[in-house]
PDB file of N, CA and C in Angstrom:
ATOM      1  N   MET A   1     167.239  53.223  72.639  1.00  0.00           N
ATOM      2  CA  MET A   1     166.191  53.086  73.649  1.00  0.00           C
ATOM      3  C   MET A   1     165.404  54.401  73.778  1.00  0.00           C
ATOM      4  N   GLN A   2     166.125  55.503  73.600  1.00  0.00           N
ATOM      5  CA  GLN A   2     165.475  56.811  73.677  1.00  0.00           C
ATOM      6  C   GLN A   2     164.488  56.994  72.523  1.00  0.00           C
ATOM      7  N   SER A   3     164.885  56.538  71.327  1.00  0.00           N
ATOM      8  CA  SER A   3     164.024  56.677  70.155  1.00  0.00           C
ATOM      9  C   SER A   3     162.780  55.799  70.290  1.00  0.00           C
ATOM     10  N   LEU A   4     162.932  54.649  70.946  1.00  0.00           N
ATOM     11  CA  LEU A   4     161.797  53.750  71.140  1.00  0.00           C
ATOM     12  C   LEU A   4     160.750  54.424  72.021  1.00  0.00           C
ATOM     13  N   ARG A   5     161.206  55.108  73.056  1.00  0.00           N
ATOM     14  CA  ARG A   5     160.305  55.835  73.947  1.00  0.00           C
ATOM     15  C   ARG A   5     159.609  56.964  73.180  1.00  0.00           C
ATOM     16  N   PHE A   6     160.375  57.601  72.280  1.00  0.00           N
ATOM     17  CA  PHE A   6     159.820  58.699  71.483  1.00  0.00           C
ATOM     18  C   PHE A   6     158.693  58.200  70.582  1.00  0.00           C
ATOM     19  N   TYR A   7     158.940  57.092  69.885  1.00  0.00           N
ATOM     20  CA  TYR A   7     157.919  56.544  68.988  1.00  0.00           C
ATOM     21  C   TYR A   7     156.712  56.036  69.766  1.00  0.00           C
ATOM     22  N   HIS A   8     156.943  55.546  70.975  1.00  0.00           N
ATOM     23  CA  HIS A   8     155.849  55.066  71.811  1.00  0.00           C
ATOM     24  C   HIS A   8     154.937  56.219  72.202  1.00  0.00           C
ATOM     25  N   SER A   9     155.542  57.339  72.611  1.00  0.00           N
ATOM     26  CA  SER A   9     154.758  58.511  72.999  1.00  0.00           C
ATOM     27  C   SER A   9     154.071  59.113  71.774  1.00  0.00           C
ATOM     28  N   LEU A  10     154.751  59.057  70.623  1.00  0.00           N
ATOM     29  CA  LEU A  10     154.175  59.584  69.385  1.00  0.00           C
ATOM     30  C   LEU A  10     152.945  58.771  68.991  1.00  0.00           C
ATOM     31  N   PHE A  11     153.030  57.450  69.140  1.00  0.00           N
ATOM     32  CA  PHE A  11     151.914  56.563  68.829  1.00  0.00           C
ATOM     33  C   PHE A  11     150.718  56.865  69.727  1.00  0.00           C
ATOM     34  N   ILE A  12     150.984  57.090  71.012  1.00  0.00           N
ATOM     35  CA  ILE A  12     149.924  57.409  71.961  1.00  0.00           C
ATOM     36  C   ILE A  12     149.272  58.738  71.595  1.00  0.00           C
ATOM     37  N   CYS A  13     150.098  59.712  71.197  1.00  0.00           N
ATOM     38  CA  CYS A  13     149.569  61.017  70.796  1.00  0.00           C
ATOM     39  C   CYS A  13     148.663  60.887  69.579  1.00  0.00           C
ATOM     40  N   LEU A  14     149.082  60.088  68.612  1.00  0.00           N
ATOM     41  CA  LEU A  14     148.276  59.885  67.408  1.00  0.00           C
ATOM     42  C   LEU A  14     146.978  59.167  67.753  1.00  0.00           C
ATOM     43  N   LEU A  15     147.063  58.220  68.674  1.00  0.00           N
ATOM     44  CA  LEU A  15     145.887  57.469  69.090  1.00  0.00           C
ATOM     45  C   LEU A  15     144.880  58.395  69.768  1.00  0.00           C
ATOM     46  N   PHE A  16     145.386  59.244  70.674  1.00  0.00           N
ATOM     47  CA  PHE A  16     144.520  60.199  71.361  1.00  0.00           C
ATOM     48  C   PHE A  16     143.955  61.220  70.380  1.00  0.00           C
ATOM     49  N   ASP A  17     144.751  61.573  69.363  1.00  0.00           N
ATOM     50  CA  ASP A  17     144.307  62.547  68.370  1.00  0.00           C
ATOM     51  C   ASP A  17     143.121  61.995  67.587  1.00  0.00           C
ATOM     52  N   CYS A  18     143.164  60.708  67.264  1.00  0.00           N
ATOM     53  CA  CYS A  18     142.050  60.066  66.556  1.00  0.00           C
ATOM     54  C   CYS A  18     140.802  60.063  67.422  1.00  0.00           C
ATOM     55  N   ILE A  19     140.976  59.811  68.716  1.00  0.00           N
ATOM     56  CA  ILE A  19     139.851  59.817  69.650  1.00  0.00           C
ATOM     57  C   ILE A  19     139.305  61.231  69.790  1.00  0.00           C
ATOM     58  N   ALA A  20     140.226  62.202  69.793  1.00  0.00           N
ATOM     59  CA  ALA A  20     139.842  63.597  69.988  1.00  0.00           C
ATOM     60  C   ALA A  20     139.019  64.139  68.819  1.00  0.00           C
ATOM     61  N   LYS A  21     139.196  63.553  67.636  1.00  0.00           N
ATOM     62  CA  LYS A  21     138.456  64.026  66.469  1.00  0.00           C
ATOM     63  C   LYS A  21     136.950  63.827  66.655  1.00  0.00           C
ATOM     64  N   THR A  22     136.580  62.894  67.510  1.00  0.00           N
ATOM     65  CA  THR A  22     135.166  62.654  67.765  1.00  0.00           C
ATOM     66  C   THR A  22     134.708  63.369  69.031  1.00  0.00           C
ATOM     67  N   ALA A  23     135.660  64.001  69.718  1.00  0.00           N
ATOM     68  CA  ALA A  23     135.341  64.715  70.955  1.00  0.00           C
ATOM     69  C   ALA A  23     135.265  66.223  70.690  1.00  0.00           C
ATOM     70  N   SER A  24     135.060  66.992  71.759  1.00  0.00           N
ATOM     71  CA  SER A  24     134.966  68.444  71.620  1.00  0.00           C
ATOM     72  C   SER A  24     136.341  69.075  71.463  1.00  0.00           C
ATOM     73  N   ASP A  25     136.362  70.343  71.072  1.00  0.00           N
ATOM     74  CA  ASP A  25     137.635  71.047  70.878  1.00  0.00           C
ATOM     75  C   ASP A  25     138.372  71.199  72.204  1.00  0.00           C
ATOM     76  N   ARG A  26     137.641  71.347  73.287  1.00  0.00           N
ATOM     77  CA  ARG A  26     138.265  71.496  74.606  1.00  0.00           C
ATOM     78  C   ARG A  26     139.012  70.227  74.981  1.00  0.00           C
ATOM     79  N   SER A  27     138.406  69.085  74.710  1.00  0.00           N
ATOM     80  CA  SER A  27     139.058  67.809  75.004  1.00  0.00           C
ATOM     81  C   SER A  27     140.295  67.642  74.133  1.00  0.00           C
ATOM     82  N   HIS A  28     140.211  68.100  72.889  1.00  0.00           N
ATOM     83  CA  HIS A  28     141.339  67.989  71.963  1.00  0.00           C
ATOM     84  C   HIS A  28     142.513  68.814  72.472  1.00  0.00           C
ATOM     85  N   THR A  29     142.211  69.995  73.037  1.00  0.00           N
ATOM     86  CA  THR A  29     143.265  70.863  73.571  1.00  0.00           C
ATOM     87  C   THR A  29     143.906  70.225  74.797  1.00  0.00           C
ATOM     88  N   LEU A  30     143.094  69.641  75.665  1.00  0.00           N
ATOM     89  CA  LEU A  30     143.615  68.995  76.874  1.00  0.00           C
ATOM     90  C   LEU A  30     144.499  67.814  76.514  1.00  0.00           C
ATOM     91  N   ILE A  31     144.081  67.048  75.518  1.00  0.00           N
ATOM     92  CA  ILE A  31     144.870  65.900  75.070  1.00  0.00           C
ATOM     93  C   ILE A  31     146.179  66.371  74.453  1.00  0.00           C
ATOM     94  N   GLY A  32     146.121  67.495  73.730  1.00  0.00           N
ATOM     95  CA  GLY A  32     147.329  68.052  73.129  1.00  0.00           C
ATOM     96  C   GLY A  32     148.325  68.466  74.203  1.00  0.00           C
ATOM     97  N   LEU A  33     147.822  69.109  75.255  1.00  0.00           N
ATOM     98  CA  LEU A  33     148.687  69.523  76.359  1.00  0.00           C
ATOM     99  C   LEU A  33     149.251  68.302  77.070  1.00  0.00           C
ATOM    100  N   PHE A  34     148.432  67.268  77.214  1.00  0.00           N
ATOM    101  CA  PHE A  34     148.880  66.035  77.859  1.00  0.00           C
ATOM    102  C   PHE A  34     150.032  65.415  77.084  1.00  0.00           C
ATOM    103  N   CYS A  35     149.913  65.436  75.747  1.00  0.00           N
ATOM    104  CA  CYS A  35     150.963  64.866  74.900  1.00  0.00           C
ATOM    105  C   CYS A  35     152.262  65.644  75.048  1.00  0.00           C
ATOM    106  N   VAL A  36     152.151  66.959  75.159  1.00  0.00           N
ATOM    107  CA  VAL A  36     153.350  67.796  75.284  1.00  0.00           C
ATOM    108  C   VAL A  36     154.072  67.497  76.595  1.00  0.00           C
ATOM    109  N   PHE A  37     153.314  67.382  77.677  1.00  0.00           N
ATOM    110  CA  PHE A  37     153.935  67.149  78.983  1.00  0.00           C
ATOM    111  C   PHE A  37     154.249  65.682  79.243  1.00  0.00           C
ATOM    112  N   TYR A  38     153.653  64.794  78.425  1.00  0.00           N
ATOM    113  CA  TYR A  38     153.926  63.372  78.576  1.00  0.00           C
ATOM    114  C   TYR A  38     155.360  63.086  78.142  1.00  0.00           C
TER     115      TYR A  38
END
């Protein structure tokens, strides 16, 4: 169950990373920090 949560958060991080590629560097940094604390 723990690994499932890990892959779920990893998927969200990858999804946000794809969105961030079209956004500014500042947004990419904020999303990165969000993923770390998520």
